[in-house]
Amino acid sequence: MNPAPRTTEEEWEEWPKEWIVRADFARELETELTEARKEIEEQSRLLGISGSEVAALKRPLLKLTSLWYQLFFLLDITEESDSGNTFRPNYISSCRAVDGERIQKILEEAKQVINTGVKN
């Protein structure tokens, strides 16, 4: 499926595969965020929360979810060097080994929560 509808089939075939994956991923994220919005609205309706209260709760939650997705999207990018080695150009590191391990655990758990939370 062509995730960029304004692109002709010939242009689409010339796109680097990485762009296609990113476009598909962006469309998937938008779908998941839309589903999350609907779930928030349904839960708030069941709990009897007013529309303005829901909006006040939704904005920061959806913004944070979006920001986490964007961060993980950037961290998950892989590229291939001229020598054929695959690497991740974007990463978060620390010069302190213990802190680096904690950062890794935090990111792994946050990614798991984001991925599980939106799909459930």
Protein backbone atom coordinates (compact mmCIF):
# COMPACT_ATOMS: atom_id res chain seq x y z
CA MET A 1 0.00 0.00 0.00
CA ASN A 2 1.24 3.45 -0.86
CA PRO A 3 1.21 5.53 2.38
CA ALA A 4 1.80 8.72 0.39
CA PRO A 5 -1.31 9.04 -1.80
CA ARG A 6 0.00 12.10 -3.65
CA THR A 7 2.91 10.05 -4.98
CA THR A 8 2.69 8.33 -8.34
CA GLU A 9 3.51 4.62 -8.51
CA GLU A 10 6.73 5.40 -10.41
CA GLU A 11 7.86 7.91 -7.79
CA TRP A 12 6.84 5.48 -5.07
CA GLU A 13 9.10 2.75 -6.47
CA GLU A 14 12.05 5.17 -6.32
CA TRP A 15 11.52 6.01 -2.65
CA PRO A 16 14.16 4.57 -0.32
CA LYS A 17 12.69 1.67 1.66
CA GLU A 18 13.44 3.53 4.89
CA TRP A 19 11.06 6.34 3.87
CA ILE A 20 8.33 3.84 3.10
CA VAL A 21 8.72 2.23 6.52
CA ARG A 22 8.64 5.65 8.20
CA ALA A 23 5.50 6.67 6.31
CA ASP A 24 3.79 3.39 7.24
CA PHE A 25 4.87 3.85 10.85
CA ALA A 26 3.55 7.42 10.94
CA ARG A 27 0.18 6.25 9.60
CA GLU A 28 0.08 3.45 12.19
CA LEU A 29 0.84 5.90 15.00
CA GLU A 30 -1.90 8.24 13.86
CA THR A 31 -4.38 5.36 13.86
CA GLU A 32 -3.31 4.28 17.34
CA LEU A 33 -3.55 7.82 18.71
CA THR A 34 -7.04 8.15 17.23
CA GLU A 35 -8.04 4.90 18.94
CA ALA A 36 -6.54 6.15 22.21
CA ARG A 37 -8.57 9.36 21.95
CA LYS A 38 -11.77 7.35 21.43
CA GLU A 39 -10.95 5.12 24.40
CA ILE A 40 -10.36 8.16 26.64
CA GLU A 41 -13.70 9.63 25.56
CA GLU A 42 -15.53 6.36 26.20
CA GLN A 43 -13.96 5.86 29.63
CA SER A 44 -14.70 9.43 30.64
CA ARG A 45 -18.31 9.02 29.49
CA LEU A 46 -18.64 5.89 31.63
CA LEU A 47 -17.10 7.70 34.62
CA GLY A 48 -19.33 10.76 34.15
CA ILE A 49 -16.49 13.19 33.55
CA SER A 50 -17.47 16.39 31.72
CA GLY A 51 -16.15 17.31 28.29
CA SER A 52 -13.96 20.12 29.59
CA GLU A 53 -12.46 17.84 32.25
CA VAL A 54 -11.78 15.21 29.59
CA ALA A 55 -10.09 17.79 27.37
CA ALA A 56 -7.93 18.91 30.27
CA LEU A 57 -6.89 15.30 30.91
CA LYS A 58 -6.49 14.33 27.25
CA ARG A 59 -4.21 17.12 26.06
CA PRO A 60 -1.18 16.32 28.23
CA LEU A 61 -1.68 12.56 27.88
CA LEU A 62 -1.89 12.66 24.10
CA LYS A 63 1.01 15.11 23.87
CA LEU A 64 3.21 12.92 26.08
CA THR A 65 2.24 9.81 24.13
CA SER A 66 3.07 11.56 20.88
CA LEU A 67 6.41 12.78 22.22
CA TRP A 68 7.36 9.30 23.45
CA TYR A 69 6.44 7.79 20.08
CA GLN A 70 8.53 10.40 18.30
CA LEU A 71 11.48 9.70 20.60
CA PHE A 72 11.28 5.93 20.07
CA PHE A 73 10.81 6.42 16.34
CA LEU A 74 14.09 8.34 16.22
CA LEU A 75 15.88 5.85 18.47
CA ASP A 76 14.69 2.89 16.36
CA ILE A 77 16.09 4.25 13.09
CA THR A 78 18.81 2.02 11.67
CA GLU A 79 21.11 2.82 8.78
CA GLU A 80 23.78 0.97 6.90
CA SER A 81 27.32 2.29 6.66
CA ASP A 82 29.38 2.21 3.47
CA SER A 83 31.10 -0.91 4.83
CA GLY A 84 27.74 -2.68 5.23
CA ASN A 85 27.46 -2.45 9.02
CA THR A 86 24.05 -1.63 10.47
CA PHE A 87 24.01 1.07 13.13
CA ARG A 88 21.65 3.41 14.97
CA PRO A 89 22.60 7.04 14.34
CA ASN A 90 20.46 8.29 17.23
CA TYR A 91 21.05 7.15 20.79
CA ILE A 92 20.99 8.29 24.39
CA SER A 93 24.08 7.58 26.45
CA SER A 94 25.81 8.40 29.68
CA CYS A 95 29.49 8.42 30.61
CA ARG A 96 28.44 6.67 33.84
CA ALA A 97 27.85 2.95 33.30
CA VAL A 98 25.26 2.60 36.08
CA ASP A 99 23.30 5.60 34.82
CA GLY A 100 23.48 4.25 31.27
CA GLU A 101 21.96 0.95 32.42
CA ARG A 102 19.17 2.81 34.25
CA ILE A 103 18.48 4.94 31.17
CA GLN A 104 18.26 1.79 29.05
CA LYS A 105 15.83 0.14 31.49
CA ILE A 106 13.68 3.28 31.69
CA LEU A 107 13.50 3.58 27.91
CA GLU A 108 12.69 -0.11 27.48
CA GLU A 109 9.90 0.05 30.08
CA ALA A 110 8.50 3.31 28.68
CA LYS A 111 8.48 1.87 25.17
CA GLN A 112 6.69 -1.24 26.39
CA VAL A 113 4.08 0.85 28.25
CA ILE A 114 3.50 3.10 25.25
CA ASN A 115 3.18 0.19 22.82
CA THR A 116 0.95 -1.84 25.14
CA GLY A 117 -1.10 1.12 26.38
CA VAL A 118 -2.19 2.35 22.98
CA LYS A 119 -3.01 -1.08 21.58
CA ASN A 120 -5.11 -2.17 24.61
